[in-house]
């Protein structure tokens, strides 16, 4: 078969593949999460220092539990009242189970022993939340 014949075989196979489900890998479904927590003003520099050098095991665990594009922002919302705003994308199929796996990780517990004293949960958080979930009202791809 010549090059033109090979090309048409590949084009035909690709067309069949594109029409079939499961032929090409699917893009992971992305769920976006926003959250907020207070931060103690006297602990801001410590919190920044910790996050400037996050332990590789923490990053690895976050990836393992399908978290990507995780960011934390700091803002003084009222004079003297500081808050952390977190954003992450989740690409797994069971957020609750993945977060439980992360929470069960011993290295994550070590990390939280350092970061928790810096934080002040907001009074309006739901029961069981440390960081309060915040509602997405706009997203642009």
Protein backbone atom coordinates (compact mmCIF):
# COMPACT_ATOMS: atom_id res chain seq x y z
CA UNK A 1 0.00 0.00 0.00
CA UNK A 2 1.34 3.48 -0.79
CA UNK A 3 1.54 6.49 1.55
CA UNK A 4 -1.81 7.85 0.41
CA UNK A 5 -3.41 4.45 1.12
CA UNK A 6 -1.82 4.28 4.57
CA UNK A 7 -3.02 7.79 5.33
CA UNK A 8 -6.60 7.00 4.38
CA UNK A 9 -6.51 3.85 6.56
CA UNK A 10 -5.34 5.95 9.53
CA UNK A 11 -7.87 8.69 8.84
CA UNK A 12 -10.64 6.08 8.64
CA UNK A 13 -9.49 4.44 11.88
CA UNK A 14 -9.35 7.82 13.61
CA UNK A 15 -12.85 8.68 12.40
CA UNK A 16 -14.15 5.36 13.78
CA UNK A 17 -12.32 5.94 17.04
CA UNK A 18 -13.68 9.47 17.47
CA UNK A 19 -17.20 8.14 17.01
CA UNK A 20 -16.70 5.38 19.59
CA UNK A 21 -16.90 5.94 23.33
CA UNK A 22 -13.85 4.98 25.32
CA UNK A 23 -11.55 4.98 22.31
CA UNK A 24 -9.63 8.10 23.29
CA UNK A 25 -8.76 8.93 26.89
CA UNK A 26 -11.38 11.21 28.39
CA UNK A 27 -10.46 14.54 29.89
CA UNK A 28 -10.91 14.24 33.64
CA UNK A 29 -14.06 15.88 34.95
CA UNK A 30 -12.95 18.91 36.93
CA UNK A 31 -14.80 20.04 40.03
CA UNK A 32 -13.75 23.42 41.39
CA UNK A 33 -13.76 24.13 45.13
CA UNK A 34 -13.42 27.43 46.94
CA UNK A 35 -12.97 27.79 50.67
CA UNK A 36 -12.22 30.36 53.35
CA UNK A 37 -10.68 30.34 56.81
CA UNK A 38 -9.41 33.06 59.11
CA UNK A 39 -5.71 33.45 59.81
CA UNK A 40 -4.27 34.83 63.04
CA UNK A 41 -2.48 38.11 62.26
CA UNK A 42 0.50 37.13 64.42
CA UNK A 43 0.85 33.86 62.44
CA UNK A 44 0.71 35.26 58.89
CA UNK A 45 4.47 35.29 58.37
CA UNK A 46 4.78 31.74 59.72
CA UNK A 47 1.98 30.55 57.44
CA UNK A 48 3.65 32.18 54.44
CA UNK A 49 7.02 30.65 55.40
CA UNK A 50 5.48 27.17 55.66
CA UNK A 51 3.81 27.48 52.27
CA UNK A 52 6.91 28.88 50.60
CA UNK A 53 8.48 25.45 51.23
CA UNK A 54 5.61 22.95 51.31
CA UNK A 55 6.90 19.46 52.01
CA UNK A 56 7.15 17.28 48.88
CA UNK A 57 5.11 14.57 50.64
CA UNK A 58 2.20 17.00 50.99
CA UNK A 59 2.30 17.92 47.31
CA UNK A 60 2.56 14.25 46.40
CA UNK A 61 -0.43 13.34 48.58
CA UNK A 62 -2.52 16.15 47.07
CA UNK A 63 -1.77 14.85 43.59
CA UNK A 64 -2.51 11.28 44.71
CA UNK A 65 -5.98 12.33 45.89
CA UNK A 66 -6.72 14.04 42.55
CA UNK A 67 -6.14 17.66 43.58
CA UNK A 68 -4.56 20.03 41.10
CA UNK A 69 -4.23 23.77 40.57
CA UNK A 70 -4.42 24.47 44.33
CA UNK A 71 -3.93 28.08 45.38
CA UNK A 72 -4.28 29.93 48.68
CA UNK A 73 -4.76 33.71 48.79
CA UNK A 74 -4.41 36.06 51.76
CA UNK A 75 -6.61 39.13 52.26
CA UNK A 76 -7.29 41.65 54.99
CA UNK A 77 -11.07 41.91 54.61
CA UNK A 78 -11.61 44.31 57.51
CA UNK A 79 -8.92 46.25 59.34
CA UNK A 80 -7.05 43.62 61.38
CA UNK A 81 -9.18 40.67 60.13
CA UNK A 82 -7.22 38.42 57.81
CA UNK A 83 -8.56 35.53 55.78
CA UNK A 84 -7.17 32.79 53.58
CA UNK A 85 -9.10 31.97 50.43
CA UNK A 86 -8.35 28.60 48.87
CA UNK A 87 -9.12 27.32 45.39
CA UNK A 88 -8.52 23.83 44.05
CA UNK A 89 -9.56 21.60 41.20
CA UNK A 90 -10.52 18.01 41.84
CA UNK A 91 -10.34 15.44 39.04
CA UNK A 92 -11.28 12.23 40.86
CA UNK A 93 -14.63 10.50 41.15
CA UNK A 94 -15.12 10.45 44.96
CA UNK A 95 -14.09 13.70 46.64
CA UNK A 96 -15.19 12.62 50.11
CA UNK A 97 -13.21 9.35 49.95
CA UNK A 98 -10.11 11.06 48.56
CA UNK A 99 -10.21 13.73 51.27
CA UNK A 100 -10.59 10.97 53.90
CA UNK A 101 -7.49 9.26 52.47
CA UNK A 102 -5.58 12.50 52.73
CA UNK A 103 -6.82 13.09 56.29
CA UNK A 104 -5.64 9.59 57.27
CA UNK A 105 -2.10 10.25 56.03
CA UNK A 106 0.45 10.60 58.89
CA UNK A 107 2.59 13.18 57.05
CA UNK A 108 -0.52 15.29 56.41
CA UNK A 109 -1.20 15.20 60.17
CA UNK A 110 2.34 16.47 60.83
CA UNK A 111 1.76 19.29 58.35
CA UNK A 112 -1.59 20.22 59.90
CA UNK A 113 0.04 20.39 63.35
CA UNK A 114 2.09 23.28 61.97
CA UNK A 115 -0.62 25.03 59.93
CA UNK A 116 -3.67 24.59 62.19
CA UNK A 117 -2.41 26.96 64.93
CA UNK A 118 -2.17 29.69 62.29
CA UNK A 119 -5.81 29.38 61.30
CA UNK A 120 -9.12 30.50 62.79
CA UNK A 121 -12.17 28.73 61.33
CA UNK A 122 -15.00 31.12 60.43
CA UNK A 123 -18.05 30.94 62.69
CA UNK A 124 -20.43 30.32 59.76
CA UNK A 125 -18.72 27.12 58.61
CA UNK A 126 -20.80 23.96 58.45
CA UNK A 127 -20.39 21.22 61.04
CA UNK A 128 -17.30 19.17 60.26
CA UNK A 129 -15.68 21.87 58.12
CA UNK A 130 -12.37 23.43 59.02
CA UNK A 131 -12.19 25.59 55.92
CA UNK A 132 -15.69 26.86 55.11
CA UNK A 133 -16.85 26.02 51.59
CA UNK A 134 -17.68 29.06 49.47
CA UNK A 135 -20.06 29.14 46.53
CA UNK A 136 -18.81 29.66 43.00
CA UNK A 137 -20.88 32.36 41.35
CA UNK A 138 -18.84 32.86 38.17
CA UNK A 139 -16.27 30.90 36.20
CA UNK A 140 -14.65 31.64 32.85
CA UNK A 141 -12.70 28.91 31.03
